[in-house]
Amino acid sequence: MGDIRLQSLTYQDVLLNEQVNDGKFTLVMIWSTDCVPCEQQKPMIQAFHDDYSATQANVIGIANDGMEMLDRISELLDKHTPNYPNFVASPKTFYSDFEIATGKKFRATPTYIMYDPDGNVAGVAAGPITRELLDKVVAQ
């Protein structure tokens, strides 16, 4: 299984696989600073995290704009104040990392990766998703 190289908002190197496989589903939301649908989805994603983080599922956010956009990334995080972790991916490595990790080419933001409780990729979806779909996945 491939991995996606990330950085924390404080420039620490992080691997996505280190953040999943805790016995819960992990929903990864890949977003960008110029993505209007991403901003529209963030309140629903936050509510999903709030409803399930104590029991069945966690959320991780990844801004794929690179650390050079950290000021804008931080502005958007301040706007929504998510209580799930957010990381930054470098465009130099992200696209190939994504393809190796998921077996799919990255198309657009938002994109979601769902990891099962064992840390395996259970699904990948490009474009906005619904709360109904997320609830169905974690209810399995």
Protein backbone atom coordinates (compact mmCIF):
# COMPACT_ATOMS: atom_id res chain seq x y z
CA MET A 1 0.00 0.00 0.00
CA GLY A 2 1.38 3.37 -0.98
CA ASP A 3 1.46 6.41 1.24
CA ILE A 4 0.82 10.11 0.81
CA ARG A 5 3.53 12.45 2.07
CA LEU A 6 2.22 15.45 3.99
CA GLN A 7 3.33 18.25 6.24
CA SER A 8 1.64 19.54 9.35
CA LEU A 9 0.76 23.21 9.60
CA THR A 10 3.98 23.57 11.62
CA TYR A 11 6.16 22.03 8.87
CA GLN A 12 6.50 18.56 10.43
CA ASP A 13 6.73 15.68 7.94
CA VAL A 14 3.80 13.29 8.26
CA LEU A 15 2.69 10.17 6.39
CA LEU A 16 -1.03 9.69 5.87
CA ASN A 17 -0.85 6.02 6.83
CA GLU A 18 0.37 7.09 10.28
CA GLN A 19 -2.95 8.88 10.76
CA VAL A 20 -5.29 5.99 9.86
CA ASN A 21 -5.75 2.38 11.07
CA ASP A 22 -6.99 3.15 14.58
CA GLY A 23 -9.86 0.68 14.42
CA LYS A 24 -12.21 3.29 12.94
CA PHE A 25 -13.11 4.41 9.45
CA THR A 26 -11.07 7.43 8.36
CA LEU A 27 -12.50 9.87 5.85
CA VAL A 28 -9.83 11.94 4.12
CA MET A 29 -11.06 15.14 2.50
CA ILE A 30 -8.64 16.51 -0.08
CA TRP A 31 -9.36 20.18 -0.68
CA SER A 32 -7.74 23.23 -2.20
CA THR A 33 -7.82 26.94 -1.44
CA ASP A 34 -9.64 27.81 -4.67
CA CYS A 35 -12.33 25.11 -4.43
CA VAL A 36 -15.82 26.48 -3.86
CA PRO A 37 -17.46 23.02 -3.46
CA CYS A 38 -14.82 22.18 -0.83
CA GLU A 39 -15.88 25.17 1.25
CA GLN A 40 -19.53 24.19 0.85
CA GLN A 41 -18.80 20.62 2.02
CA LYS A 42 -16.74 21.53 5.11
CA PRO A 43 -19.66 22.12 7.52
CA MET A 44 -21.18 18.74 6.63
CA ILE A 45 -17.80 17.03 6.96
CA GLN A 46 -17.32 18.67 10.37
CA ALA A 47 -20.76 17.46 11.49
CA PHE A 48 -19.91 13.92 10.31
CA HIS A 49 -16.68 14.05 12.34
CA ASP A 50 -18.52 15.39 15.40
CA ASP A 51 -21.15 12.65 15.19
CA TYR A 52 -18.77 9.71 14.71
CA SER A 53 -15.29 10.58 16.05
CA ALA A 54 -15.97 9.09 19.49
CA THR A 55 -17.15 5.80 18.02
CA GLN A 56 -16.81 4.79 14.37
CA ALA A 57 -15.01 7.32 12.17
CA ASN A 58 -12.51 10.16 12.02
CA VAL A 59 -11.86 12.86 9.45
CA ILE A 60 -8.55 14.17 8.15
CA GLY A 61 -8.25 17.16 5.87
CA ILE A 62 -5.51 17.61 3.27
CA ALA A 63 -4.96 20.87 1.44
CA ASN A 64 -3.14 19.99 -1.76
CA ASP A 65 -1.86 23.52 -2.46
CA GLY A 66 1.63 23.16 -0.94
CA MET A 67 3.19 24.98 1.99
CA GLU A 68 3.69 28.11 -0.11
CA MET A 69 -0.08 28.63 0.31
CA LEU A 70 -0.01 28.17 4.09
CA ASP A 71 -1.34 31.67 4.80
CA ARG A 72 -4.44 31.08 2.66
CA ILE A 73 -4.85 27.54 4.00
CA SER A 74 -4.75 28.92 7.55
CA GLU A 75 -7.32 31.61 6.67
CA LEU A 76 -9.74 28.98 5.43
CA LEU A 77 -9.14 26.76 8.46
CA ASP A 78 -9.77 29.75 10.73
CA LYS A 79 -13.05 30.36 8.89
CA HIS A 80 -14.39 26.84 9.54
CA THR A 81 -12.38 25.95 12.68
CA PRO A 82 -12.43 22.19 12.10
CA ASN A 83 -11.63 20.05 15.12
CA TYR A 84 -10.11 17.32 12.98
CA PRO A 85 -6.47 17.45 11.83
CA ASN A 86 -5.53 19.14 8.59
CA PHE A 87 -2.29 18.67 6.70
CA VAL A 88 -0.72 20.07 3.56
CA ALA A 89 0.42 18.10 0.52
CA SER A 90 3.02 19.29 -1.95
CA PRO A 91 1.89 19.29 -5.58
CA LYS A 92 5.38 17.96 -6.42
CA THR A 93 4.68 14.63 -4.72
CA PHE A 94 0.93 14.52 -4.12
CA TYR A 95 -0.32 13.39 -7.53
CA SER A 96 2.00 10.41 -7.80
CA ASP A 97 1.52 9.53 -4.09
CA PHE A 98 -2.27 9.61 -4.56
CA GLU A 99 -2.14 7.33 -7.58
CA ILE A 100 0.12 4.81 -5.83
CA ALA A 101 -2.00 4.88 -2.64
CA THR A 102 -5.40 4.60 -4.34
CA GLY A 103 -4.75 3.11 -7.77
CA LYS A 104 -6.55 6.08 -9.33
CA LYS A 105 -5.45 9.32 -10.96
CA PHE A 106 -6.26 12.46 -8.99
CA ARG A 107 -8.90 14.48 -10.84
CA ALA A 108 -10.22 17.39 -8.79
CA THR A 109 -11.05 18.78 -5.39
CA PRO A 110 -12.84 17.86 -3.34
CA THR A 111 -11.76 14.26 -3.45
CA TYR A 112 -12.43 11.82 -0.65
CA ILE A 113 -10.62 8.66 0.39
CA MET A 114 -12.34 6.35 2.85
CA TYR A 115 -10.11 4.00 4.82
CA ASP A 116 -11.66 1.01 6.56
CA PRO A 117 -10.96 0.31 10.25
CA ASP A 118 -7.93 -1.82 9.25
CA GLY A 119 -6.35 1.07 7.33
CA ASN A 120 -7.14 -0.19 3.83
CA VAL A 121 -8.55 2.06 1.11
CA ALA A 122 -12.28 1.26 0.99
CA GLY A 123 -13.25 3.84 -1.60
CA VAL A 124 -12.31 6.99 -3.50
CA ALA A 125 -14.75 9.63 -4.71
CA ALA A 126 -14.07 12.79 -6.71
CA GLY A 127 -16.49 15.66 -6.31
CA PRO A 128 -18.99 16.50 -3.58
CA ILE A 129 -20.42 13.66 -1.51
CA THR A 130 -23.52 13.37 0.64
CA ARG A 131 -23.91 12.82 4.34
CA GLU A 132 -26.28 9.95 3.52
CA LEU A 133 -23.48 8.12 1.70
CA LEU A 134 -21.05 8.65 4.59
CA ASP A 135 -23.60 7.41 7.12
CA LYS A 136 -24.20 4.26 5.03
CA VAL A 137 -20.48 3.47 4.86
CA VAL A 138 -19.86 3.71 8.62
CA ALA A 139 -23.08 1.85 9.45
CA GLN A 140 -21.83 -1.32 7.71
